């Protein structure tokens, strides 16, 4: 498993909000180690036995937290992320619609502090049997040895569900986020899966826009020894029109399904034409 293990002790920023409280309960039900919550002005209270603090500084003094998951509105997300990055090893930003310049500032500070950031606009991370830091529905995942990386939450769910129904469990599923500026990218996750004893094969789920999948293909070709299969969404998307995610827009001849598929094929990665084909391609590799 990667990112999430028995040593991951998390706090929830925005734990008393509608999204924060709902998903905190779901994460606790999945045996995730949530040691604290942070909501300014609500310090001294608790939520389902989780103590709430006014600041991350206070939470760090009183608990062993080393990670955070952020459920705050976009306009407050930069300040929340900076506070987490200052104190913690890993920050998962669920929040959507964060301005690009704010995301750029967040990533620059994370690089400076050597903090892992996943997101923004991510469904999070799940390691079946260990826990989840995110918003994904847990019943569709099962323990196993296939790692999943995706820019899309819903496609993660669809393909993980297909894998589980086919008896193929997952080691860790990571949503890297669909925004143009994100913290952890495909290559960062591929490196971790390559080094992970619990992962034997990888599913890379991509979409139109940008060149992240092409860069990942180069890395796979040069560095990966474990088999990778892929699915790229957006086969029928018209150029210049944003599809779903802020980063999913074709500009010129780059960022198309065809260009990404060609790059992955050249790296020895088979690309499914439909999500339902991923299982068939994976079974040829494992």
Protein backbone atom coordinates (compact mmCIF):
# COMPACT_ATOMS: atom_id res chain seq x y z
CA UNK A 1 0.00 0.00 0.00
CA UNK A 2 1.12 3.57 -0.56
CA UNK A 3 0.37 6.92 1.14
CA UNK A 4 -1.82 5.27 3.76
CA UNK A 5 -0.73 2.70 6.35
CA UNK A 6 -1.04 1.93 10.06
CA UNK A 7 1.25 4.88 10.86
CA UNK A 8 -1.00 7.43 9.09
CA UNK A 9 -2.75 9.53 11.72
CA UNK A 10 -5.03 12.11 10.17
CA UNK A 11 -6.86 15.28 11.10
CA UNK A 12 -9.87 16.66 9.24
CA UNK A 13 -9.94 20.36 8.40
CA UNK A 14 -13.53 21.52 8.28
CA UNK A 15 -14.74 18.57 10.34
CA UNK A 16 -17.90 20.37 11.51
CA UNK A 17 -19.09 21.33 8.01
CA UNK A 18 -21.65 19.32 6.06
CA UNK A 19 -19.10 17.51 3.86
CA UNK A 20 -16.46 17.23 6.57
CA UNK A 21 -18.77 15.67 9.14
CA UNK A 22 -20.41 13.26 6.67
CA UNK A 23 -17.14 11.96 5.26
CA UNK A 24 -15.39 11.85 8.65
CA UNK A 25 -18.07 9.44 9.82
CA UNK A 26 -17.57 7.31 6.70
CA UNK A 27 -13.78 7.28 7.17
CA UNK A 28 -14.14 6.28 10.83
CA UNK A 29 -16.53 3.49 9.83
CA UNK A 30 -13.79 2.19 7.51
CA UNK A 31 -11.35 2.05 10.47
CA UNK A 32 -9.28 5.01 9.26
CA UNK A 33 -7.20 6.59 12.03
CA UNK A 34 -8.73 10.05 12.48
CA UNK A 35 -7.15 11.60 15.59
CA UNK A 36 -8.34 15.20 15.39
CA UNK A 37 -10.51 17.75 13.66
CA UNK A 38 -9.87 21.44 13.11
CA UNK A 39 -12.53 24.12 12.90
CA UNK A 40 -11.63 27.62 14.14
CA UNK A 41 -13.96 28.61 16.99
CA UNK A 42 -15.07 25.03 17.68
CA UNK A 43 -12.05 23.97 19.76
CA UNK A 44 -12.85 21.91 22.84
CA UNK A 45 -15.79 20.13 21.22
CA UNK A 46 -15.69 16.67 19.68
CA UNK A 47 -17.29 14.84 16.76
CA UNK A 48 -17.99 11.13 17.21
CA UNK A 49 -15.25 11.05 19.82
CA UNK A 50 -12.74 12.92 17.65
CA UNK A 51 -11.43 16.01 19.51
CA UNK A 52 -11.78 19.33 17.68
CA UNK A 53 -9.12 22.03 17.83
CA UNK A 54 -9.07 25.67 16.75
CA UNK A 55 -5.82 25.26 14.79
CA UNK A 56 -3.46 22.61 13.46
CA UNK A 57 -0.76 23.92 15.78
CA UNK A 58 -2.96 23.01 18.75
CA UNK A 59 -3.81 19.61 17.26
CA UNK A 60 -0.13 18.79 16.68
CA UNK A 61 0.69 19.64 20.32
CA UNK A 62 -2.07 17.40 21.68
CA UNK A 63 -2.09 14.45 19.25
CA UNK A 64 0.20 12.41 16.97
CA UNK A 65 -1.33 13.59 13.68
CA UNK A 66 0.94 13.55 10.61
CA UNK A 67 -1.59 14.01 7.77
CA UNK A 68 -4.65 16.08 6.95
CA UNK A 69 -7.66 15.97 4.68
CA UNK A 70 -9.23 19.30 3.73
CA UNK A 71 -12.99 19.85 3.41
CA UNK A 72 -13.19 23.64 3.35
CA UNK A 73 -14.67 25.98 0.73
CA UNK A 74 -12.37 26.99 -2.11
CA UNK A 75 -11.85 30.55 -0.87
CA UNK A 76 -10.44 29.25 2.44
CA UNK A 77 -8.54 26.29 0.98
CA UNK A 78 -5.21 28.06 0.42
CA UNK A 79 -4.95 29.17 4.06
CA UNK A 80 -6.02 25.71 5.25
CA UNK A 81 -3.46 24.02 3.00
CA UNK A 82 -0.64 26.33 4.10
CA UNK A 83 -1.39 25.57 7.74
CA UNK A 84 -1.35 21.81 7.08
CA UNK A 85 1.81 21.96 4.97
CA UNK A 86 3.60 23.86 7.73
CA UNK A 87 3.05 21.06 10.25
CA UNK A 88 2.30 17.78 8.49
CA UNK A 89 3.79 15.20 6.10
CA UNK A 90 0.80 14.67 3.79
CA UNK A 91 -2.13 16.89 2.81
CA UNK A 92 -5.15 15.70 0.79
CA UNK A 93 -7.23 18.53 -0.67
CA UNK A 94 -10.76 17.44 -1.53
CA UNK A 95 -11.98 21.00 -2.21
CA UNK A 96 -13.05 21.92 -5.77
CA UNK A 97 -12.88 25.24 -7.66
CA UNK A 98 -9.66 26.47 -6.03
CA UNK A 99 -8.23 29.32 -8.16
CA UNK A 100 -5.23 28.22 -10.22
CA UNK A 101 -2.98 30.87 -8.67
CA UNK A 102 -3.88 29.61 -5.19
CA UNK A 103 -3.02 26.05 -6.27
CA UNK A 104 0.31 27.24 -7.66
CA UNK A 105 1.12 28.94 -4.34
CA UNK A 106 0.11 25.80 -2.42
CA UNK A 107 2.36 23.55 -4.51
CA UNK A 108 5.32 25.95 -4.29
CA UNK A 109 5.05 25.97 -0.51
CA UNK A 110 4.61 22.17 -0.38
CA UNK A 111 7.81 21.74 -2.44
CA UNK A 112 9.63 24.11 -0.12
CA UNK A 113 8.46 22.16 2.96
CA UNK A 114 8.84 18.72 1.31
CA UNK A 115 5.20 17.88 2.04
CA UNK A 116 3.16 15.48 -0.10
CA UNK A 117 0.00 17.11 -1.48
CA UNK A 118 -2.71 15.07 -3.20
CA UNK A 119 -5.28 17.15 -5.09
CA UNK A 120 -6.97 19.53 -5.18
CA UNK A 121 -10.30 18.34 -6.58
CA UNK A 122 -9.50 14.75 -5.65
CA UNK A 123 -11.62 11.89 -4.30
CA UNK A 124 -8.62 11.02 -2.12
CA UNK A 125 -6.83 7.75 -1.38
CA UNK A 126 -8.07 4.33 -0.30
CA UNK A 127 -6.11 1.23 0.67
CA UNK A 128 -8.74 -1.50 1.10
CA UNK A 129 -8.43 -3.19 4.48
CA UNK A 130 -6.36 -0.31 5.87
CA UNK A 131 -8.43 2.84 5.55
CA UNK A 132 -9.41 5.73 3.33
CA UNK A 133 -8.73 9.44 3.32
CA UNK A 134 -11.33 10.62 0.86
CA UNK A 135 -14.91 10.53 -0.33
CA UNK A 136 -15.06 7.26 -2.28
CA UNK A 137 -17.79 4.68 -1.56
CA UNK A 138 -15.97 1.85 0.21
CA UNK A 139 -18.23 -1.06 -0.76
CA UNK A 140 -16.91 -1.15 -4.35
CA UNK A 141 -13.29 -1.78 -3.30
CA UNK A 142 -11.65 -5.00 -2.18
CA UNK A 143 -8.22 -5.96 -0.89
CA UNK A 144 -5.76 -7.10 -3.52
CA UNK A 145 -2.61 -6.28 -5.46
CA UNK A 146 -3.64 -3.94 -8.30
CA UNK A 147 -2.87 -0.25 -7.91
CA UNK A 148 -5.15 2.34 -9.52
CA UNK A 149 -4.23 5.96 -10.43
CA UNK A 150 -6.77 8.35 -11.87
CA UNK A 151 -7.59 11.97 -12.64
CA UNK A 152 -11.30 11.17 -12.32
CA UNK A 153 -13.17 10.13 -9.21
CA UNK A 154 -16.17 8.60 -10.98
CA UNK A 155 -13.97 6.61 -13.36
CA UNK A 156 -11.98 5.35 -10.37
CA UNK A 157 -15.21 4.07 -8.87
CA UNK A 158 -16.43 2.53 -12.11
CA UNK A 159 -13.21 0.67 -12.86
CA UNK A 160 -12.56 -0.36 -9.24
CA UNK A 161 -16.07 -1.79 -9.17
CA UNK A 162 -15.39 -3.73 -12.39
CA UNK A 163 -12.15 -5.08 -10.88
CA UNK A 164 -13.85 -6.13 -7.65
CA UNK A 165 -16.68 -7.89 -9.50
CA UNK A 166 -14.05 -9.78 -11.48
CA UNK A 167 -12.31 -10.91 -8.29
CA UNK A 168 -9.36 -8.53 -8.72
CA UNK A 169 -8.68 -6.61 -5.51
CA UNK A 170 -6.81 -3.33 -5.16
CA UNK A 171 -3.74 -2.42 -3.13
CA UNK A 172 -4.29 1.36 -3.23
CA UNK A 173 -6.44 3.63 -5.39
CA UNK A 174 -5.29 7.23 -5.77
CA UNK A 175 -7.22 10.12 -7.27
CA UNK A 176 -4.62 12.70 -8.26
CA UNK A 177 -7.26 15.33 -9.09
CA UNK A 178 -8.64 16.84 -12.26
CA UNK A 179 -7.33 20.41 -11.95
CA UNK A 180 -4.60 21.88 -14.20
CA UNK A 181 -2.31 22.35 -11.15
CA UNK A 182 -2.02 19.42 -8.75
CA UNK A 183 0.46 18.24 -6.16
CA UNK A 184 1.08 14.54 -6.77
CA UNK A 185 1.15 13.44 -10.43
CA UNK A 186 1.07 10.12 -12.27
CA UNK A 187 4.84 9.67 -12.15
CA UNK A 188 4.97 10.31 -8.38
CA UNK A 189 2.38 7.57 -7.85
CA UNK A 190 3.94 5.17 -10.38
CA UNK A 191 7.27 5.43 -8.51
CA UNK A 192 5.54 4.46 -5.29
CA UNK A 193 3.67 1.57 -6.89
CA UNK A 194 6.89 0.30 -8.49
CA UNK A 195 8.50 0.18 -5.03
CA UNK A 196 5.41 -1.23 -3.28
CA UNK A 197 5.53 -4.93 -2.39
CA UNK A 198 1.72 -5.04 -2.19
CA UNK A 199 1.25 -3.91 -5.81
CA UNK A 200 1.80 -6.30 -8.74
CA UNK A 201 0.10 -4.37 -11.57
CA UNK A 202 -1.25 -0.88 -12.18
CA UNK A 203 -4.29 0.63 -13.89
CA UNK A 204 -3.71 4.19 -15.13
CA UNK A 205 -6.94 6.09 -15.80
CA UNK A 206 -6.49 9.25 -17.83
CA UNK A 207 -8.51 11.81 -19.72
CA UNK A 208 -8.12 14.40 -22.44
CA UNK A 209 -6.18 17.63 -21.82
CA UNK A 210 -2.59 18.33 -20.89
CA UNK A 211 0.32 15.94 -21.36
CA UNK A 212 0.41 14.15 -18.00
CA UNK A 213 -0.35 10.76 -19.56
CA UNK A 214 2.35 11.22 -22.21
CA UNK A 215 4.90 12.02 -19.49
CA UNK A 216 3.73 8.99 -17.54
CA UNK A 217 4.19 6.86 -20.68
CA UNK A 218 7.84 7.96 -20.94
CA UNK A 219 8.41 7.02 -17.30
CA UNK A 220 6.70 3.64 -17.74
CA UNK A 221 8.83 2.89 -20.78
CA UNK A 222 12.11 3.76 -19.04
CA UNK A 223 11.52 2.89 -15.39
CA UNK A 224 8.60 0.54 -14.71
CA UNK A 225 9.01 -3.22 -14.42
CA UNK A 226 5.43 -3.90 -13.31
CA UNK A 227 2.69 -4.22 -15.94
CA UNK A 228 0.45 -1.21 -16.58
CA UNK A 229 -2.87 -1.05 -18.45
CA UNK A 230 -4.85 2.10 -19.13
CA UNK A 231 -8.12 3.75 -20.05
CA UNK A 232 -8.33 7.31 -21.44
CA UNK A 233 -11.67 9.12 -21.20
CA UNK A 234 -12.86 11.71 -23.71
CA UNK A 235 -12.75 9.81 -26.98
CA UNK A 236 -15.57 11.89 -28.49
CA UNK A 237 -14.66 15.27 -26.97
CA UNK A 238 -14.56 18.22 -29.43
CA UNK A 239 -11.36 20.35 -29.42
CA UNK A 240 -11.44 23.50 -27.30
CA UNK A 241 -14.36 22.42 -25.12
CA UNK A 242 -13.80 21.69 -21.45
CA UNK A 243 -15.12 18.28 -20.48
CA UNK A 244 -15.76 17.66 -16.80
CA UNK A 245 -12.49 18.73 -15.21
CA UNK A 246 -10.74 22.07 -15.47
CA UNK A 247 -7.71 20.28 -16.90
CA UNK A 248 -9.71 18.33 -19.48
CA UNK A 249 -9.46 20.51 -22.56
CA UNK A 250 -7.84 19.73 -25.89
CA UNK A 251 -5.65 22.47 -27.32
CA UNK A 252 -4.39 22.02 -30.87
CA UNK A 253 -3.26 18.47 -31.61
CA UNK A 254 -2.00 17.68 -28.11
CA UNK A 255 -3.96 16.26 -25.22
CA UNK A 256 -6.19 14.03 -27.35
CA UNK A 257 -7.14 10.44 -26.67
CA UNK A 258 -5.20 9.47 -29.81
CA UNK A 259 -1.96 11.18 -28.73
CA UNK A 260 -2.14 9.72 -25.24
CA UNK A 261 -3.01 6.25 -26.52
CA UNK A 262 -0.11 6.32 -28.97
CA UNK A 263 2.35 7.34 -26.25
CA UNK A 264 1.12 4.62 -23.90
CA UNK A 265 1.13 1.97 -26.63
CA UNK A 266 4.73 2.93 -27.44
CA UNK A 267 5.55 2.28 -23.78
CA UNK A 268 4.02 -1.20 -23.97
CA UNK A 269 0.78 -0.19 -22.25
CA UNK A 270 -2.48 -1.51 -23.70
CA UNK A 271 -5.30 1.06 -23.63
CA UNK A 272 -8.92 -0.01 -23.24
CA UNK A 273 -11.52 1.57 -25.51
CA UNK A 274 -14.15 1.26 -22.76
CA UNK A 275 -13.84 1.01 -18.95
CA UNK A 276 -15.32 -2.49 -19.08
CA UNK A 277 -12.32 -3.70 -21.14
CA UNK A 278 -9.79 -2.91 -18.39
CA UNK A 279 -10.39 -6.22 -16.61
CA UNK A 280 -9.73 -8.21 -19.80
CA UNK A 281 -6.46 -6.35 -20.46
CA UNK A 282 -5.37 -6.75 -16.83
CA UNK A 283 -6.02 -10.48 -16.82
CA UNK A 284 -3.53 -10.84 -19.69
CA UNK A 285 -0.86 -9.25 -17.47
CA UNK A 286 -1.38 -10.94 -14.11
